[in-house]
N, C-alpha and C. Protein backbone atom coordinates (compact mmCIF):
# COMPACT_ATOMS: atom_id res chain seq x y z
N MET A 1 14.04 -11.87 18.21
CA MET A 1 15.16 -11.18 17.60
C MET A 1 14.64 -10.31 16.45
N ALA A 2 15.02 -9.06 16.43
CA ALA A 2 14.57 -8.12 15.40
C ALA A 2 15.25 -8.43 14.07
N GLU A 3 14.48 -8.27 13.01
CA GLU A 3 15.04 -8.48 11.68
C GLU A 3 15.98 -7.34 11.33
N GLN A 4 17.06 -7.68 10.67
CA GLN A 4 18.03 -6.68 10.24
C GLN A 4 17.56 -6.03 8.95
N ILE A 5 17.72 -4.73 8.86
CA ILE A 5 17.37 -3.98 7.65
C ILE A 5 18.61 -3.88 6.77
N ILE A 6 18.44 -4.18 5.49
CA ILE A 6 19.54 -4.02 4.54
C ILE A 6 19.16 -2.96 3.52
N ASN A 7 20.12 -2.25 3.03
CA ASN A 7 19.90 -1.25 1.99
C ASN A 7 20.29 -1.83 0.64
N ILE A 8 19.43 -1.63 -0.34
CA ILE A 8 19.68 -2.08 -1.70
C ILE A 8 19.65 -0.85 -2.59
N SER A 9 20.65 -0.72 -3.43
CA SER A 9 20.66 0.43 -4.34
C SER A 9 20.98 -0.06 -5.75
N PHE A 10 20.54 0.72 -6.71
CA PHE A 10 20.81 0.41 -8.12
C PHE A 10 20.85 1.72 -8.89
N PRO A 11 21.62 1.75 -9.96
CA PRO A 11 21.75 2.99 -10.73
C PRO A 11 20.51 3.23 -11.60
N VAL A 12 20.13 4.49 -11.72
CA VAL A 12 19.03 4.91 -12.58
C VAL A 12 19.48 6.16 -13.33
N ASN A 13 19.36 6.13 -14.63
CA ASN A 13 19.71 7.28 -15.44
C ASN A 13 18.83 8.47 -15.04
N GLU A 14 19.42 9.60 -14.85
CA GLU A 14 18.70 10.81 -14.45
C GLU A 14 17.58 11.14 -15.43
N GLY A 15 17.78 10.78 -16.69
CA GLY A 15 16.77 11.05 -17.71
C GLY A 15 15.47 10.31 -17.45
N ILE A 16 15.56 9.15 -16.79
CA ILE A 16 14.35 8.39 -16.44
C ILE A 16 13.49 9.21 -15.48
N LEU A 17 14.12 9.75 -14.45
CA LEU A 17 13.38 10.57 -13.49
C LEU A 17 12.80 11.80 -14.16
N SER A 18 13.57 12.37 -15.05
CA SER A 18 13.11 13.55 -15.78
C SER A 18 11.90 13.21 -16.65
N THR A 19 11.97 12.08 -17.35
CA THR A 19 10.85 11.65 -18.19
C THR A 19 9.61 11.40 -17.35
N LEU A 20 9.79 10.78 -16.19
CA LEU A 20 8.67 10.48 -15.30
C LEU A 20 8.18 11.70 -14.53
N LYS A 21 8.99 12.76 -14.55
CA LYS A 21 8.70 13.98 -13.78
C LYS A 21 8.53 13.65 -12.29
N GLU A 22 9.49 12.85 -11.79
CA GLU A 22 9.46 12.43 -10.40
C GLU A 22 10.79 12.76 -9.73
N SER A 23 10.69 13.04 -8.44
CA SER A 23 11.90 13.22 -7.65
C SER A 23 12.46 11.83 -7.31
N LYS A 24 13.65 11.81 -6.79
CA LYS A 24 14.28 10.55 -6.37
C LYS A 24 13.39 9.85 -5.33
N GLU A 25 12.84 10.61 -4.41
CA GLU A 25 11.99 10.05 -3.36
C GLU A 25 10.70 9.47 -3.93
N GLU A 26 10.07 10.21 -4.86
CA GLU A 26 8.83 9.70 -5.49
C GLU A 26 9.10 8.43 -6.28
N PHE A 27 10.21 8.43 -7.02
CA PHE A 27 10.58 7.27 -7.81
C PHE A 27 10.83 6.06 -6.91
N THR A 28 11.56 6.27 -5.82
CA THR A 28 11.84 5.19 -4.88
C THR A 28 10.55 4.62 -4.31
N LYS A 29 9.63 5.50 -3.93
CA LYS A 29 8.35 5.05 -3.38
C LYS A 29 7.57 4.24 -4.43
N ASP A 30 7.56 4.71 -5.67
CA ASP A 30 6.87 3.99 -6.75
C ASP A 30 7.50 2.62 -7.02
N VAL A 31 8.84 2.58 -7.01
CA VAL A 31 9.53 1.31 -7.25
C VAL A 31 9.23 0.32 -6.12
N LEU A 32 9.23 0.79 -4.89
CA LEU A 32 8.92 -0.09 -3.77
C LEU A 32 7.49 -0.62 -3.85
N PHE A 33 6.54 0.26 -4.18
CA PHE A 33 5.15 -0.19 -4.31
C PHE A 33 5.00 -1.18 -5.45
N SER A 34 5.61 -0.86 -6.59
CA SER A 34 5.51 -1.75 -7.76
C SER A 34 6.14 -3.11 -7.47
N SER A 35 7.26 -3.12 -6.77
CA SER A 35 7.90 -4.38 -6.40
C SER A 35 7.01 -5.17 -5.44
N ALA A 36 6.47 -4.50 -4.46
CA ALA A 36 5.59 -5.16 -3.49
C ALA A 36 4.37 -5.74 -4.20
N LEU A 37 3.80 -4.98 -5.13
CA LEU A 37 2.63 -5.44 -5.88
C LEU A 37 2.98 -6.67 -6.72
N LEU A 38 4.13 -6.64 -7.38
CA LEU A 38 4.56 -7.78 -8.20
C LEU A 38 4.70 -9.04 -7.35
N PHE A 39 5.40 -8.93 -6.22
CA PHE A 39 5.59 -10.09 -5.35
C PHE A 39 4.27 -10.56 -4.74
N TYR A 40 3.36 -9.62 -4.46
CA TYR A 40 2.04 -9.99 -3.93
C TYR A 40 1.24 -10.73 -5.00
N ARG A 41 1.24 -10.23 -6.22
CA ARG A 41 0.53 -10.89 -7.33
C ARG A 41 1.05 -12.30 -7.56
N LYS A 42 2.38 -12.46 -7.46
CA LYS A 42 3.00 -13.77 -7.68
C LYS A 42 2.87 -14.68 -6.46
N ARG A 43 2.25 -14.14 -5.41
CA ARG A 43 2.04 -14.86 -4.15
C ARG A 43 3.35 -15.24 -3.47
N LYS A 44 4.34 -14.39 -3.70
CA LYS A 44 5.62 -14.59 -3.01
C LYS A 44 5.63 -13.84 -1.69
N LEU A 45 4.78 -12.81 -1.57
CA LEU A 45 4.63 -12.07 -0.32
C LEU A 45 3.16 -12.03 0.06
N SER A 46 2.90 -12.13 1.34
CA SER A 46 1.54 -11.97 1.85
C SER A 46 1.16 -10.49 1.74
N LEU A 47 -0.08 -10.19 1.97
CA LEU A 47 -0.54 -8.80 1.95
C LEU A 47 0.24 -7.97 2.96
N GLY A 48 0.43 -8.52 4.15
CA GLY A 48 1.15 -7.79 5.20
C GLY A 48 2.61 -7.53 4.85
N LYS A 49 3.28 -8.55 4.31
CA LYS A 49 4.69 -8.39 3.94
C LYS A 49 4.83 -7.46 2.74
N ALA A 50 3.89 -7.52 1.79
CA ALA A 50 3.92 -6.61 0.65
C ALA A 50 3.74 -5.17 1.13
N ALA A 51 2.83 -4.97 2.06
CA ALA A 51 2.62 -3.64 2.63
C ALA A 51 3.89 -3.15 3.30
N GLU A 52 4.53 -4.03 4.05
CA GLU A 52 5.78 -3.68 4.73
C GLU A 52 6.86 -3.28 3.73
N LEU A 53 7.02 -4.06 2.65
CA LEU A 53 8.01 -3.73 1.63
C LEU A 53 7.72 -2.37 1.01
N ALA A 54 6.46 -2.08 0.76
CA ALA A 54 6.07 -0.81 0.13
C ALA A 54 6.14 0.37 1.10
N GLY A 55 6.27 0.08 2.40
CA GLY A 55 6.33 1.16 3.39
C GLY A 55 4.96 1.65 3.83
N TYR A 56 3.95 0.78 3.72
CA TYR A 56 2.58 1.12 4.09
C TYR A 56 2.11 0.23 5.24
N SER A 57 1.09 0.71 5.95
CA SER A 57 0.37 -0.19 6.85
C SER A 57 -0.50 -1.09 5.97
N LYS A 58 -1.04 -2.16 6.52
CA LYS A 58 -1.90 -3.04 5.72
C LYS A 58 -3.09 -2.27 5.16
N LEU A 59 -3.73 -1.46 6.00
CA LEU A 59 -4.91 -0.72 5.54
C LEU A 59 -4.55 0.30 4.46
N ASP A 60 -3.42 0.96 4.62
CA ASP A 60 -2.99 1.93 3.60
C ASP A 60 -2.63 1.23 2.29
N PHE A 61 -2.02 0.03 2.41
CA PHE A 61 -1.67 -0.74 1.21
C PHE A 61 -2.94 -1.17 0.49
N ILE A 62 -3.95 -1.62 1.23
CA ILE A 62 -5.23 -2.00 0.64
C ILE A 62 -5.85 -0.80 -0.07
N SER A 63 -5.82 0.37 0.57
CA SER A 63 -6.35 1.59 -0.05
C SER A 63 -5.61 1.92 -1.34
N LYS A 64 -4.28 1.77 -1.30
CA LYS A 64 -3.47 2.03 -2.50
C LYS A 64 -3.82 1.03 -3.61
N LEU A 65 -4.03 -0.23 -3.26
CA LEU A 65 -4.45 -1.23 -4.24
C LEU A 65 -5.78 -0.82 -4.87
N GLN A 66 -6.70 -0.35 -4.05
CA GLN A 66 -7.99 0.10 -4.56
C GLN A 66 -7.83 1.30 -5.49
N GLU A 67 -6.99 2.25 -5.12
CA GLU A 67 -6.73 3.41 -5.98
C GLU A 67 -6.18 3.00 -7.33
N GLU A 68 -5.34 1.97 -7.32
CA GLU A 68 -4.69 1.48 -8.54
C GLU A 68 -5.56 0.47 -9.29
N LYS A 69 -6.79 0.24 -8.80
CA LYS A 69 -7.73 -0.71 -9.42
C LYS A 69 -7.17 -2.13 -9.44
N GLU A 70 -6.43 -2.47 -8.39
CA GLU A 70 -5.85 -3.81 -8.25
C GLU A 70 -6.75 -4.65 -7.36
N PHE A 71 -6.77 -5.94 -7.62
CA PHE A 71 -7.53 -6.86 -6.78
C PHE A 71 -6.83 -7.02 -5.44
N ILE A 72 -7.60 -7.00 -4.38
CA ILE A 72 -7.04 -7.22 -3.05
C ILE A 72 -6.87 -8.71 -2.84
N PHE A 73 -7.87 -9.47 -3.23
CA PHE A 73 -7.81 -10.92 -3.16
C PHE A 73 -7.99 -11.44 -4.57
N ASP A 74 -7.05 -12.22 -5.03
CA ASP A 74 -7.06 -12.72 -6.41
C ASP A 74 -6.96 -14.24 -6.37
N TYR A 75 -8.11 -14.88 -6.18
CA TYR A 75 -8.15 -16.33 -6.08
C TYR A 75 -8.52 -16.95 -7.42
N SER A 76 -7.97 -18.12 -7.68
CA SER A 76 -8.35 -18.88 -8.88
C SER A 76 -9.72 -19.51 -8.61
N GLU A 77 -10.36 -19.99 -9.67
CA GLU A 77 -11.66 -20.65 -9.51
C GLU A 77 -11.54 -21.84 -8.57
N GLU A 78 -10.45 -22.58 -8.69
CA GLU A 78 -10.24 -23.75 -7.83
C GLU A 78 -10.15 -23.34 -6.36
N GLU A 79 -9.41 -22.26 -6.10
CA GLU A 79 -9.26 -21.78 -4.72
C GLU A 79 -10.58 -21.30 -4.16
N ILE A 80 -11.37 -20.61 -4.97
CA ILE A 80 -12.69 -20.15 -4.52
C ILE A 80 -13.58 -21.36 -4.21
N GLY A 81 -13.53 -22.37 -5.08
CA GLY A 81 -14.29 -23.59 -4.84
C GLY A 81 -13.90 -24.24 -3.53
N ASP A 82 -12.59 -24.30 -3.25
CA ASP A 82 -12.11 -24.88 -1.99
C ASP A 82 -12.61 -24.08 -0.79
N ILE A 83 -12.57 -22.76 -0.90
CA ILE A 83 -13.02 -21.90 0.20
C ILE A 83 -14.50 -22.14 0.48
N PHE A 84 -15.33 -22.14 -0.58
CA PHE A 84 -16.76 -22.32 -0.39
C PHE A 84 -17.09 -23.73 0.08
N SER A 85 -16.35 -24.72 -0.37
CA SER A 85 -16.61 -26.08 0.11
C SER A 85 -16.26 -26.20 1.60
N ASP A 86 -15.23 -25.48 2.02
CA ASP A 86 -14.89 -25.47 3.44
C ASP A 86 -15.97 -24.78 4.26
N VAL A 87 -16.54 -23.71 3.73
CA VAL A 87 -17.59 -22.96 4.41
C VAL A 87 -18.82 -23.84 4.60
N VAL A 88 -19.17 -24.59 3.57
CA VAL A 88 -20.34 -25.48 3.63
C VAL A 88 -20.15 -26.52 4.73
N ASN A 89 -18.94 -26.95 4.95
CA ASN A 89 -18.67 -27.98 5.96
C ASN A 89 -18.63 -27.46 7.38
N ILE A 90 -18.65 -26.15 7.57
CA ILE A 90 -18.63 -25.57 8.91
C ILE A 90 -20.03 -25.66 9.50
N LYS A 91 -20.11 -26.18 10.69
CA LYS A 91 -21.42 -26.30 11.35
C LYS A 91 -21.34 -25.76 12.75
């Protein structure tokens, strides 16, 4: 079953767009990317779902993360330790 698409809208003072020197479309794209990045950082969305929210393919989202100097994988020391301990156990 296909997922249903919902539209979400919110008011923005025209002066904000003017200050940012962005069109409505540019602002919308930036808000979607910023939201996707926030949820990805908080680990509420996977990389794929964050890319989908932002309107990018996974590879394009990764490229955008690199452009923005964002970490693609942001593991804690404990998580890295778990990953490497699992690797050591693979035979």
